[in-house]
Amino acid sequence: AQQLAAELEVEMMADMYNRMTQACHRKCVPPLYKESELSKGECVCLDRCVAKYLEVHERMGKKLTELSLQDEELLKRMQQGTGTA
């Protein structure tokens, strides 16, 4: 079970990385390249984009964990309530 969870986590992180890369590339790098190196503006845009993407991902993870714990607690209470009746 732990190995399956670890594999799933790696898969989810790879998916997030791919989505972030595509989104930030689309937003910050023009489709017609003028130079082989990124410009300062493109670098700044990419840095900010990645930072925001990771911050949102972290916030969502915390919120989903919080909601999951609340659901588990509610389920326990419901089971205890039906067990005593």
PDB file of N, CA and C in Angstrom:
ATOM      1  N   ALA A   1       0.827  -1.198   0.000  1.00  0.00           N
ATOM      2  CA  ALA A   1       0.000   0.000   0.000  1.00  0.00           C
ATOM      3  C   ALA A   1       0.869   1.259   0.000  1.00  0.00           C
ATOM      4  N   GLN A   2       1.972   1.225   0.759  1.00  0.00           N
ATOM      5  CA  GLN A   2       2.852   2.400   0.806  1.00  0.00           C
ATOM      6  C   GLN A   2       3.522   2.638  -0.544  1.00  0.00           C
ATOM      7  N   GLN A   3       3.901   1.547  -1.210  1.00  0.00           N
ATOM      8  CA  GLN A   3       4.550   1.690  -2.510  1.00  0.00           C
ATOM      9  C   GLN A   3       3.574   2.274  -3.526  1.00  0.00           C
ATOM     10  N   LEU A   4       2.324   1.829  -3.469  1.00  0.00           N
ATOM     11  CA  LEU A   4       1.304   2.352  -4.373  1.00  0.00           C
ATOM     12  C   LEU A   4       1.096   3.849  -4.122  1.00  0.00           C
ATOM     13  N   ALA A   5       1.046   4.239  -2.857  1.00  0.00           N
ATOM     14  CA  ALA A   5       0.882   5.654  -2.510  1.00  0.00           C
ATOM     15  C   ALA A   5       2.085   6.463  -2.994  1.00  0.00           C
ATOM     16  N   ALA A   6       3.283   5.923  -2.847  1.00  0.00           N
ATOM     17  CA  ALA A   6       4.490   6.618  -3.291  1.00  0.00           C
ATOM     18  C   ALA A   6       4.494   6.769  -4.812  1.00  0.00           C
ATOM     19  N   GLU A   7       4.104   5.713  -5.514  1.00  0.00           N
ATOM     20  CA  GLU A   7       4.045   5.780  -6.980  1.00  0.00           C
ATOM     21  C   GLU A   7       3.003   6.799  -7.435  1.00  0.00           C
ATOM     22  N   LEU A   8       1.871   6.827  -6.761  1.00  0.00           N
ATOM     23  CA  LEU A   8       0.821   7.782  -7.090  1.00  0.00           C
ATOM     24  C   LEU A   8       1.303   9.212  -6.847  1.00  0.00           C
ATOM     25  N   GLU A   9       2.028   9.414  -5.756  1.00  0.00           N
ATOM     26  CA  GLU A   9       2.541  10.750  -5.453  1.00  0.00           C
ATOM     27  C   GLU A   9       3.545  11.202  -6.516  1.00  0.00           C
ATOM     28  N   VAL A  10       4.424  10.295  -6.946  1.00  0.00           N
ATOM     29  CA  VAL A  10       5.393  10.633  -7.987  1.00  0.00           C
ATOM     30  C   VAL A  10       4.661  10.976  -9.284  1.00  0.00           C
ATOM     31  N   GLU A  11       3.643  10.200  -9.611  1.00  0.00           N
ATOM     32  CA  GLU A  11       2.859  10.448 -10.821  1.00  0.00           C
ATOM     33  C   GLU A  11       2.160  11.812 -10.750  1.00  0.00           C
ATOM     34  N   MET A  12       1.599  12.129  -9.589  1.00  0.00           N
ATOM     35  CA  MET A  12       0.915  13.412  -9.418  1.00  0.00           C
ATOM     36  C   MET A  12       1.898  14.573  -9.502  1.00  0.00           C
ATOM     37  N   MET A  13       3.084  14.417  -8.924  1.00  0.00           N
ATOM     38  CA  MET A  13       4.088  15.484  -8.988  1.00  0.00           C
ATOM     39  C   MET A  13       4.572  15.686 -10.426  1.00  0.00           C
ATOM     40  N   ALA A  14       4.753  14.594 -11.158  1.00  0.00           N
ATOM     41  CA  ALA A  14       5.173  14.695 -12.554  1.00  0.00           C
ATOM     42  C   ALA A  14       4.095  15.402 -13.378  1.00  0.00           C
ATOM     43  N   ASP A  15       2.835  15.082 -13.110  1.00  0.00           N
ATOM     44  CA  ASP A  15       1.728  15.721 -13.813  1.00  0.00           C
ATOM     45  C   ASP A  15       1.690  17.217 -13.497  1.00  0.00           C
ATOM     46  N   MET A  16       1.863  17.564 -12.213  1.00  0.00           N
ATOM     47  CA  MET A  16       1.861  18.968 -11.822  1.00  0.00           C
ATOM     48  C   MET A  16       3.022  19.709 -12.495  1.00  0.00           C
ATOM     49  N   TYR A  17       4.193  19.090 -12.520  1.00  0.00           N
ATOM     50  CA  TYR A  17       5.361  19.707 -13.149  1.00  0.00           C
ATOM     51  C   TYR A  17       5.099  19.942 -14.638  1.00  0.00           C
ATOM     52  N   ASN A  18       4.538  18.956 -15.311  1.00  0.00           N
ATOM     53  CA  ASN A  18       4.246  19.101 -16.739  1.00  0.00           C
ATOM     54  C   ASN A  18       3.228  20.207 -16.996  1.00  0.00           C
ATOM     55  N   ARG A  19       2.180  20.260 -16.188  1.00  0.00           N
ATOM     56  CA  ARG A  19       1.166  21.310 -16.345  1.00  0.00           C
ATOM     57  C   ARG A  19       1.764  22.688 -16.087  1.00  0.00           C
ATOM     58  N   MET A  20       2.576  22.788 -15.039  1.00  0.00           N
ATOM     59  CA  MET A  20       3.206  24.057 -14.687  1.00  0.00           C
ATOM     60  C   MET A  20       4.141  24.499 -15.811  1.00  0.00           C
ATOM     61  N   THR A  21       4.934  23.580 -16.317  1.00  0.00           N
ATOM     62  CA  THR A  21       5.867  23.898 -17.394  1.00  0.00           C
ATOM     63  C   THR A  21       5.126  24.412 -18.619  1.00  0.00           C
ATOM     64  N   GLN A  22       4.072  23.719 -19.005  1.00  0.00           N
ATOM     65  CA  GLN A  22       3.304  24.132 -20.178  1.00  0.00           C
ATOM     66  C   GLN A  22       2.640  25.487 -19.956  1.00  0.00           C
ATOM     67  N   ALA A  23       2.008  25.661 -18.803  1.00  0.00           N
ATOM     68  CA  ALA A  23       1.293  26.911 -18.522  1.00  0.00           C
ATOM     69  C   ALA A  23       2.252  28.095 -18.473  1.00  0.00           C
ATOM     70  N   CYS A  24       3.370  27.954 -17.776  1.00  0.00           N
ATOM     71  CA  CYS A  24       4.304  29.066 -17.632  1.00  0.00           C
ATOM     72  C   CYS A  24       5.037  29.343 -18.948  1.00  0.00           C
ATOM     73  N   HIS A  25       5.333  28.312 -19.701  1.00  0.00           N
ATOM     74  CA  HIS A  25       5.974  28.507 -21.003  1.00  0.00           C
ATOM     75  C   HIS A  25       5.038  29.272 -21.935  1.00  0.00           C
ATOM     76  N   ARG A  26       3.772  28.852 -21.950  1.00  0.00           N
ATOM     77  CA  ARG A  26       2.763  29.512 -22.795  1.00  0.00           C
ATOM     78  C   ARG A  26       2.604  30.983 -22.397  1.00  0.00           C
ATOM     79  N   LYS A  27       2.633  31.250 -21.085  1.00  0.00           N
ATOM     80  CA  LYS A  27       2.408  32.605 -20.587  1.00  0.00           C
ATOM     81  C   LYS A  27       3.620  33.516 -20.778  1.00  0.00           C
ATOM     82  N   CYS A  28       4.817  32.981 -20.620  1.00  0.00           N
ATOM     83  CA  CYS A  28       6.007  33.827 -20.508  1.00  0.00           C
ATOM     84  C   CYS A  28       6.943  33.836 -21.716  1.00  0.00           C
ATOM     85  N   VAL A  29       6.866  32.825 -22.562  1.00  0.00           N
ATOM     86  CA  VAL A  29       7.817  32.739 -23.680  1.00  0.00           C
ATOM     87  C   VAL A  29       7.042  32.859 -24.989  1.00  0.00           C
ATOM     88  N   PRO A  30       7.342  33.888 -25.776  1.00  0.00           N
ATOM     89  CA  PRO A  30       6.621  34.053 -27.041  1.00  0.00           C
ATOM     90  C   PRO A  30       6.899  32.888 -27.987  1.00  0.00           C
ATOM     91  N   PRO A  31       5.923  32.555 -28.837  1.00  0.00           N
ATOM     92  CA  PRO A  31       6.082  31.392 -29.722  1.00  0.00           C
ATOM     93  C   PRO A  31       7.190  31.551 -30.766  1.00  0.00           C
ATOM     94  N   LEU A  32       7.483  32.774 -31.169  1.00  0.00           N
ATOM     95  CA  LEU A  32       8.564  33.004 -32.131  1.00  0.00           C
ATOM     96  C   LEU A  32       9.809  33.453 -31.369  1.00  0.00           C
ATOM     97  N   TYR A  33      10.795  32.570 -31.285  1.00  0.00           N
ATOM     98  CA  TYR A  33      12.009  32.875 -30.531  1.00  0.00           C
ATOM     99  C   TYR A  33      12.865  33.869 -31.294  1.00  0.00           C
ATOM    100  N   LYS A  34      13.324  34.912 -30.600  1.00  0.00           N
ATOM    101  CA  LYS A  34      14.218  35.904 -31.198  1.00  0.00           C
ATOM    102  C   LYS A  34      15.673  35.572 -30.865  1.00  0.00           C
ATOM    103  N   GLU A  35      15.877  34.942 -29.705  1.00  0.00           N
ATOM    104  CA  GLU A  35      17.225  34.597 -29.242  1.00  0.00           C
ATOM    105  C   GLU A  35      17.201  33.184 -28.680  1.00  0.00           C
ATOM    106  N   SER A  36      18.387  32.595 -28.562  1.00  0.00           N
ATOM    107  CA  SER A  36      18.462  31.240 -28.012  1.00  0.00           C
ATOM    108  C   SER A  36      18.357  31.238 -26.488  1.00  0.00           C
ATOM    109  N   GLU A  37      18.721  32.351 -25.856  1.00  0.00           N
ATOM    110  CA  GLU A  37      18.657  32.475 -24.398  1.00  0.00           C
ATOM    111  C   GLU A  37      17.382  33.208 -23.991  1.00  0.00           C
ATOM    112  N   LEU A  38      16.899  32.917 -22.781  1.00  0.00           N
ATOM    113  CA  LEU A  38      15.742  33.643 -22.259  1.00  0.00           C
ATOM    114  C   LEU A  38      16.141  35.077 -21.941  1.00  0.00           C
ATOM    115  N   SER A  39      15.222  35.999 -22.210  1.00  0.00           N
ATOM    116  CA  SER A  39      15.481  37.391 -21.845  1.00  0.00           C
ATOM    117  C   SER A  39      15.258  37.565 -20.343  1.00  0.00           C
ATOM    118  N   LYS A  40      15.698  38.683 -19.816  1.00  0.00           N
ATOM    119  CA  LYS A  40      15.499  38.948 -18.382  1.00  0.00           C
ATOM    120  C   LYS A  40      14.004  38.970 -18.051  1.00  0.00           C
ATOM    121  N   GLY A  41      13.199  39.603 -18.904  1.00  0.00           N
ATOM    122  CA  GLY A  41      11.759  39.658 -18.682  1.00  0.00           C
ATOM    123  C   GLY A  41      11.118  38.274 -18.669  1.00  0.00           C
ATOM    124  N   GLU A  42      11.566  37.414 -19.588  1.00  0.00           N
ATOM    125  CA  GLU A  42      11.037  36.041 -19.633  1.00  0.00           C
ATOM    126  C   GLU A  42      11.422  35.274 -18.373  1.00  0.00           C
ATOM    127  N   CYS A  43      12.671  35.462 -17.927  1.00  0.00           N
ATOM    128  CA  CYS A  43      13.128  34.781 -16.705  1.00  0.00           C
ATOM    129  C   CYS A  43      12.319  35.222 -15.486  1.00  0.00           C
ATOM    130  N   VAL A  44      12.100  36.522 -15.372  1.00  0.00           N
ATOM    131  CA  VAL A  44      11.318  37.050 -14.248  1.00  0.00           C
ATOM    132  C   VAL A  44       9.892  36.511 -14.306  1.00  0.00           C
ATOM    133  N   CYS A  45       9.306  36.523 -15.496  1.00  0.00           N
ATOM    134  CA  CYS A  45       7.949  36.010 -15.670  1.00  0.00           C
ATOM    135  C   CYS A  45       7.879  34.538 -15.272  1.00  0.00           C
ATOM    136  N   LEU A  46       8.851  33.746 -15.734  1.00  0.00           N
ATOM    137  CA  LEU A  46       8.861  32.313 -15.405  1.00  0.00           C
ATOM    138  C   LEU A  46       9.029  32.088 -13.907  1.00  0.00           C
ATOM    139  N   ASP A  47       9.920  32.850 -13.282  1.00  0.00           N
ATOM    140  CA  ASP A  47      10.119  32.722 -11.829  1.00  0.00           C
ATOM    141  C   ASP A  47       8.824  33.000 -11.073  1.00  0.00           C
ATOM    142  N   ARG A  48       8.154  34.078 -11.435  1.00  0.00           N
ATOM    143  CA  ARG A  48       6.897  34.442 -10.760  1.00  0.00           C
ATOM    144  C   ARG A  48       5.805  33.401 -11.034  1.00  0.00           C
ATOM    145  N   CYS A  49       5.730  32.968 -12.276  1.00  0.00           N
ATOM    146  CA  CYS A  49       4.711  31.985 -12.654  1.00  0.00           C
ATOM    147  C   CYS A  49       4.889  30.691 -11.856  1.00  0.00           C
ATOM    148  N   VAL A  50       6.118  30.201 -11.802  1.00  0.00           N
ATOM    149  CA  VAL A  50       6.401  28.961 -11.075  1.00  0.00           C
ATOM    150  C   VAL A  50       6.107  29.142  -9.588  1.00  0.00           C
ATOM    151  N   ALA A  51       6.520  30.276  -9.023  1.00  0.00           N
ATOM    152  CA  ALA A  51       6.272  30.538  -7.599  1.00  0.00           C
ATOM    153  C   ALA A  51       4.777  30.545  -7.295  1.00  0.00           C
ATOM    154  N   LYS A  52       4.006  31.216  -8.148  1.00  0.00           N
ATOM    155  CA  LYS A  52       2.553  31.262  -7.933  1.00  0.00           C
ATOM    156  C   LYS A  52       1.931  29.876  -8.087  1.00  0.00           C
ATOM    157  N   TYR A  53       2.360  29.155  -9.102  1.00  0.00           N
ATOM    158  CA  TYR A  53       1.822  27.821  -9.356  1.00  0.00           C
ATOM    159  C   TYR A  53       2.070  26.915  -8.146  1.00  0.00           C
ATOM    160  N   LEU A  54       3.301  26.949  -7.630  1.00  0.00           N
ATOM    161  CA  LEU A  54       3.637  26.102  -6.477  1.00  0.00           C
ATOM    162  C   LEU A  54       2.892  26.547  -5.216  1.00  0.00           C
ATOM    163  N   GLU A  55       2.733  27.864  -5.041  1.00  0.00           N
ATOM    164  CA  GLU A  55       2.000  28.361  -3.875  1.00  0.00           C
ATOM    165  C   GLU A  55       0.547  27.902  -3.911  1.00  0.00           C
ATOM    166  N   VAL A  56      -0.082  28.020  -5.079  1.00  0.00           N
ATOM    167  CA  VAL A  56      -1.474  27.588  -5.221  1.00  0.00           C
ATOM    168  C   VAL A  56      -1.574  26.075  -4.998  1.00  0.00           C
ATOM    169  N   HIS A  57      -0.620  25.331  -5.548  1.00  0.00           N
ATOM    170  CA  HIS A  57      -0.621  23.870  -5.370  1.00  0.00           C
ATOM    171  C   HIS A  57      -0.519  23.504  -3.894  1.00  0.00           C
ATOM    172  N   GLU A  58       0.345  24.206  -3.169  1.00  0.00           N
ATOM    173  CA  GLU A  58       0.513  23.947  -1.736  1.00  0.00           C
ATOM    174  C   GLU A  58      -0.763  24.292  -0.968  1.00  0.00           C
ATOM    175  N   ARG A  59      -1.351  25.440  -1.275  1.00  0.00           N
ATOM    176  CA  ARG A  59      -2.597  25.845  -0.597  1.00  0.00           C
ATOM    177  C   ARG A  59      -3.713  24.840  -0.859  1.00  0.00           C
ATOM    178  N   MET A  60      -3.819  24.409  -2.097  1.00  0.00           N
ATOM    179  CA  MET A  60      -4.869  23.440  -2.428  1.00  0.00           C
ATOM    180  C   MET A  60      -4.645  22.127  -1.697  1.00  0.00           C
ATOM    181  N   GLY A  61      -3.389  21.689  -1.621  1.00  0.00           N
ATOM    182  CA  GLY A  61      -3.070  20.463  -0.906  1.00  0.00           C
ATOM    183  C   GLY A  61      -3.451  20.546   0.564  1.00  0.00           C
ATOM    184  N   LYS A  62      -3.138  21.688   1.190  1.00  0.00           N
ATOM    185  CA  LYS A  62      -3.493  21.879   2.602  1.00  0.00           C
ATOM    186  C   LYS A  62      -5.001  21.880   2.793  1.00  0.00           C
ATOM    187  N   LYS A  63      -5.712  22.563   1.901  1.00  0.00           N
ATOM    188  CA  LYS A  63      -7.170  22.635   2.010  1.00  0.00           C
ATOM    189  C   LYS A  63      -7.800  21.261   1.805  1.00  0.00           C
ATOM    190  N   LEU A  64      -7.307  20.511   0.813  1.00  0.00           N
ATOM    191  CA  LEU A  64      -7.846  19.172   0.566  1.00  0.00           C
ATOM    192  C   LEU A  64      -7.570  18.241   1.744  1.00  0.00           C
ATOM    193  N   THR A  65      -6.388  18.370   2.346  1.00  0.00           N
ATOM    194  CA  THR A  65      -6.069  17.567   3.530  1.00  0.00           C
ATOM    195  C   THR A  65      -7.009  17.917   4.675  1.00  0.00           C
ATOM    196  N   GLU A  66      -7.232  19.215   4.862  1.00  0.00           N
ATOM    197  CA  GLU A  66      -8.139  19.689   5.912  1.00  0.00           C
ATOM    198  C   GLU A  66      -9.553  19.143   5.689  1.00  0.00           C
ATOM    199  N   LEU A  67     -10.037  19.221   4.460  1.00  0.00           N
ATOM    200  CA  LEU A  67     -11.378  18.721   4.152  1.00  0.00           C
ATOM    201  C   LEU A  67     -11.465  17.212   4.343  1.00  0.00           C
ATOM    202  N   SER A  68     -10.404  16.513   3.969  1.00  0.00           N
ATOM    203  CA  SER A  68     -10.377  15.060   4.137  1.00  0.00           C
ATOM    204  C   SER A  68     -10.439  14.684   5.616  1.00  0.00           C
ATOM    205  N   LEU A  69      -9.687  15.410   6.445  1.00  0.00           N
ATOM    206  CA  LEU A  69      -9.721  15.145   7.887  1.00  0.00           C
ATOM    207  C   LEU A  69     -11.099  15.438   8.472  1.00  0.00           C
ATOM    208  N   GLN A  70     -11.741  16.509   7.993  1.00  0.00           N
ATOM    209  CA  GLN A  70     -13.093  16.829   8.466  1.00  0.00           C
ATOM    210  C   GLN A  70     -14.074  15.727   8.060  1.00  0.00           C
ATOM    211  N   ASP A  71     -13.940  15.230   6.840  1.00  0.00           N
ATOM    212  CA  ASP A  71     -14.808  14.145   6.381  1.00  0.00           C
ATOM    213  C   ASP A  71     -14.616  12.890   7.219  1.00  0.00           C
ATOM    214  N   GLU A  72     -13.347  12.567   7.525  1.00  0.00           N
ATOM    215  CA  GLU A  72     -13.057  11.393   8.352  1.00  0.00           C
ATOM    216  C   GLU A  72     -13.680  11.556   9.739  1.00  0.00           C
ATOM    217  N   GLU A  73     -13.546  12.745  10.322  1.00  0.00           N
ATOM    218  CA  GLU A  73     -14.104  13.015  11.647  1.00  0.00           C
ATOM    219  C   GLU A  73     -15.625  12.895  11.628  1.00  0.00           C
ATOM    220  N   LEU A  74     -16.240  13.441  10.594  1.00  0.00           N
ATOM    221  CA  LEU A  74     -17.694  13.354  10.460  1.00  0.00           C
ATOM    222  C   LEU A  74     -18.141  11.900  10.314  1.00  0.00           C
ATOM    223  N   LEU A  75     -17.414  11.135   9.533  1.00  0.00           N
ATOM    224  CA  LEU A  75     -17.742   9.720   9.346  1.00  0.00           C
ATOM    225  C   LEU A  75     -17.620   8.957  10.664  1.00  0.00           C
ATOM    226  N   LYS A  76     -16.567   9.246  11.435  1.00  0.00           N
ATOM    227  CA  LYS A  76     -16.396   8.596  12.736  1.00  0.00           C
ATOM    228  C   LYS A  76     -17.569   8.922  13.662  1.00  0.00           C
ATOM    229  N   ARG A  77     -17.958  10.203  13.681  1.00  0.00           N
ATOM    230  CA  ARG A  77     -19.076  10.614  14.541  1.00  0.00           C
ATOM    231  C   ARG A  77     -20.373   9.911  14.130  1.00  0.00           C
ATOM    232  N   MET A  78     -20.575   9.810  12.823  1.00  0.00           N
ATOM    233  CA  MET A  78     -21.788   9.159  12.338  1.00  0.00           C
ATOM    234  C   MET A  78     -21.787   7.680  12.702  1.00  0.00           C
ATOM    235  N   GLN A  79     -20.615   7.037  12.587  1.00  0.00           N
ATOM    236  CA  GLN A  79     -20.506   5.620  12.934  1.00  0.00           C
ATOM    237  C   GLN A  79     -20.704   5.410  14.421  1.00  0.00           C
ATOM    238  N   GLN A  80     -20.173   6.306  15.246  1.00  0.00           N
ATOM    239  CA  GLN A  80     -20.357   6.199  16.691  1.00  0.00           C
ATOM    240  C   GLN A  80     -21.820   6.417  17.053  1.00  0.00           C
ATOM    241  N   GLY A  81     -22.456   7.336  16.361  1.00  0.00           N
ATOM    242  CA  GLY A  81     -23.870   7.625  16.625  1.00  0.00           C
ATOM    243  C   GLY A  81     -24.764   6.439  16.289  1.00  0.00           C
ATOM    244  N   THR A  82     -24.494   5.759  15.191  1.00  0.00           N
ATOM    245  CA  THR A  82     -25.306   4.597  14.818  1.00  0.00           C
ATOM    246  C   THR A  82     -24.924   3.383  15.649  1.00  0.00           C
ATOM    247  N   GLY A  83     -23.671   3.335  16.146  1.00  0.00           N
ATOM    248  CA  GLY A  83     -23.244   2.203  16.961  1.00  0.00           C
ATOM    249  C   GLY A  83     -23.861   2.200  18.334  1.00  0.00           C
ATOM    250  N   THR A  84     -24.189   3.376  18.866  1.00  0.00           N
ATOM    251  CA  THR A  84     -24.751   3.466  20.211  1.00  0.00           C
ATOM    252  C   THR A  84     -26.270   3.383  20.196  1.00  0.00           C
ATOM    253  N   ALA A  85     -26.878   3.532  19.031  1.00  0.00           N
ATOM    254  CA  ALA A  85     -28.335   3.533  18.954  1.00  0.00           C
ATOM    255  C   ALA A  85     -28.903   2.142  19.002  1.00  0.00           C
TER     256      ALA A  85
END
